[in-house]
C-alpha atoms as a PDB file:
ATOM      1  CA  MET A   1     299.311 216.401 171.547  1.00  0.00           C
ATOM      2  CA  GLU A   2     302.947 215.292 171.371  1.00  0.00           C
ATOM      3  CA  ASP A   3     303.861 213.066 168.476  1.00  0.00           C
ATOM      4  CA  THR A   4     307.584 212.842 167.892  1.00  0.00           C
ATOM      5  CA  ARG A   5     310.950 214.508 168.217  1.00  0.00           C
ATOM      6  CA  ASN A   6     312.511 216.331 165.334  1.00  0.00           C
ATOM      7  CA  GLY A   7     315.859 214.645 164.750  1.00  0.00           C
ATOM      8  CA  ALA A   8     317.605 217.828 163.673  1.00  0.00           C
ATOM      9  CA  GLY A   9     316.716 220.119 166.520  1.00  0.00           C
ATOM     10  CA  GLY A  10     315.417 217.677 169.091  1.00  0.00           C
ATOM     11  CA  ARG A  11     312.392 219.865 169.758  1.00  0.00           C
ATOM     12  CA  LEU A  12     308.980 218.348 170.299  1.00  0.00           C
ATOM     13  CA  LEU A  13     306.587 218.621 167.394  1.00  0.00           C
ATOM     14  CA  LEU A  14     302.956 219.256 168.108  1.00  0.00           C
ATOM     15  CA  LEU A  15     300.248 218.027 165.780  1.00  0.00           C
ATOM     16  CA  ASP A  16     299.001 221.579 165.236  1.00  0.00           C
ATOM     17  CA  GLU A  17     302.436 222.529 163.849  1.00  0.00           C
ATOM     18  CA  TRP A  18     302.269 219.866 161.149  1.00  0.00           C
ATOM     19  CA  THR A  19     301.170 220.461 157.590  1.00  0.00           C
ATOM     20  CA  LYS A  20     298.083 218.739 156.247  1.00  0.00           C
ATOM     21  CA  GLU A  21     300.309 216.427 154.206  1.00  0.00           C
ATOM     22  CA  GLU A  22     302.317 215.430 157.291  1.00  0.00           C
ATOM     23  CA  SER A  23     299.108 214.728 159.208  1.00  0.00           C
ATOM     24  CA  GLU A  24     297.817 212.601 156.316  1.00  0.00           C
ATOM     25  CA  GLU A  25     301.098 210.655 156.262  1.00  0.00           C
ATOM     26  CA  LEU A  26     300.824 209.986 159.991  1.00  0.00           C
ATOM     27  CA  VAL A  27     297.258 208.722 159.542  1.00  0.00           C
ATOM     28  CA  LEU A  28     298.453 206.589 156.643  1.00  0.00           C
ATOM     29  CA  ILE A  29     301.087 204.971 158.856  1.00  0.00           C
ATOM     30  CA  TYR A  30     298.508 204.247 161.564  1.00  0.00           C
ATOM     31  CA  LEU A  31     296.148 202.730 158.998  1.00  0.00           C
ATOM     32  CA  GLU A  32     298.869 200.537 157.505  1.00  0.00           C
ATOM     33  CA  ASP A  33     299.719 199.314 161.000  1.00  0.00           C
ATOM     34  CA  TYR A  34     296.036 198.648 161.622  1.00  0.00           C
ATOM     35  CA  TYR A  35     295.659 196.633 158.401  1.00  0.00           C
ATOM     36  CA  ARG A  36     298.787 194.586 159.249  1.00  0.00           C
ATOM     37  CA  THR A  37     297.872 193.855 162.868  1.00  0.00           C
ATOM     38  CA  MET A  38     294.103 194.453 163.107  1.00  0.00           C
ATOM     39  CA  ASP A  39     294.887 196.228 166.395  1.00  0.00           C
ATOM     40  CA  ASP A  40     292.028 198.672 166.983  1.00  0.00           C
ATOM     41  CA  SER A  41     294.282 201.123 168.819  1.00  0.00           C
ATOM     42  CA  PHE A  42     295.924 202.063 165.506  1.00  0.00           C
ATOM     43  CA  LEU A  43     292.533 202.645 163.907  1.00  0.00           C
ATOM     44  CA  LYS A  44     291.376 204.758 166.850  1.00  0.00           C
ATOM     45  CA  GLU A  45     294.470 206.970 166.596  1.00  0.00           C
ATOM     46  CA  ALA A  46     293.994 207.380 162.846  1.00  0.00           C
ATOM     47  CA  LEU A  47     290.336 208.295 163.256  1.00  0.00           C
ATOM     48  CA  GLN A  48     291.062 210.783 166.029  1.00  0.00           C
ATOM     49  CA  ILE A  49     293.693 212.578 163.949  1.00  0.00           C
ATOM     50  CA  THR A  50     291.407 212.724 160.908  1.00  0.00           C
ATOM     51  CA  LYS A  51     288.658 214.149 163.087  1.00  0.00           C
ATOM     52  CA  ASP A  52     290.927 216.721 164.736  1.00  0.00           C
ATOM     53  CA  GLU A  53     292.583 217.760 161.486  1.00  0.00           C
ATOM     54  CA  ARG A  54     289.437 217.456 159.323  1.00  0.00           C
ATOM     55  CA  LEU A  55     291.080 215.046 156.885  1.00  0.00           C
ATOM     56  CA  ASP A  56     289.370 212.808 154.335  1.00  0.00           C
ATOM     57  CA  ILE A  57     289.588 209.372 155.966  1.00  0.00           C
ATOM     58  CA  GLN A  58     288.173 207.573 152.917  1.00  0.00           C
ATOM     59  CA  LYS A  59     290.897 208.978 150.664  1.00  0.00           C
ATOM     60  CA  ILE A  60     293.624 208.039 153.132  1.00  0.00           C
ATOM     61  CA  MET A  61     292.206 204.528 153.673  1.00  0.00           C
ATOM     62  CA  HIS A  62     292.241 203.988 149.912  1.00  0.00           C
ATOM     63  CA  ARG A  63     295.895 205.112 149.767  1.00  0.00           C
ATOM     64  CA  ALA A  64     296.814 202.769 152.637  1.00  0.00           C
ATOM     65  CA  LYS A  65     295.185 199.785 150.947  1.00  0.00           C
ATOM     66  CA  SER A  66     296.841 200.652 147.635  1.00  0.00           C
ATOM     67  CA  ARG A  67     300.299 200.973 149.172  1.00  0.00           C
ATOM     68  CA  MET A  68     299.933 197.614 150.883  1.00  0.00           C
ATOM     69  CA  SER A  69     299.048 195.752 147.683  1.00  0.00           C
END
């Protein structure tokens, strides 16, 4: 799954090359976008990544809500 380009080297980063912390940050961004827009596509992406990476969605949702306050 392609996610972004690395600015330094311009190579494509794959989700399986990311650390757990980087994956959590990506989910956090999707959740913040979801809470701002209520666009379900952001929530679906966040949930898929947490499922694939076996992340704690509840913990990340709490962080997203806290950061938005």
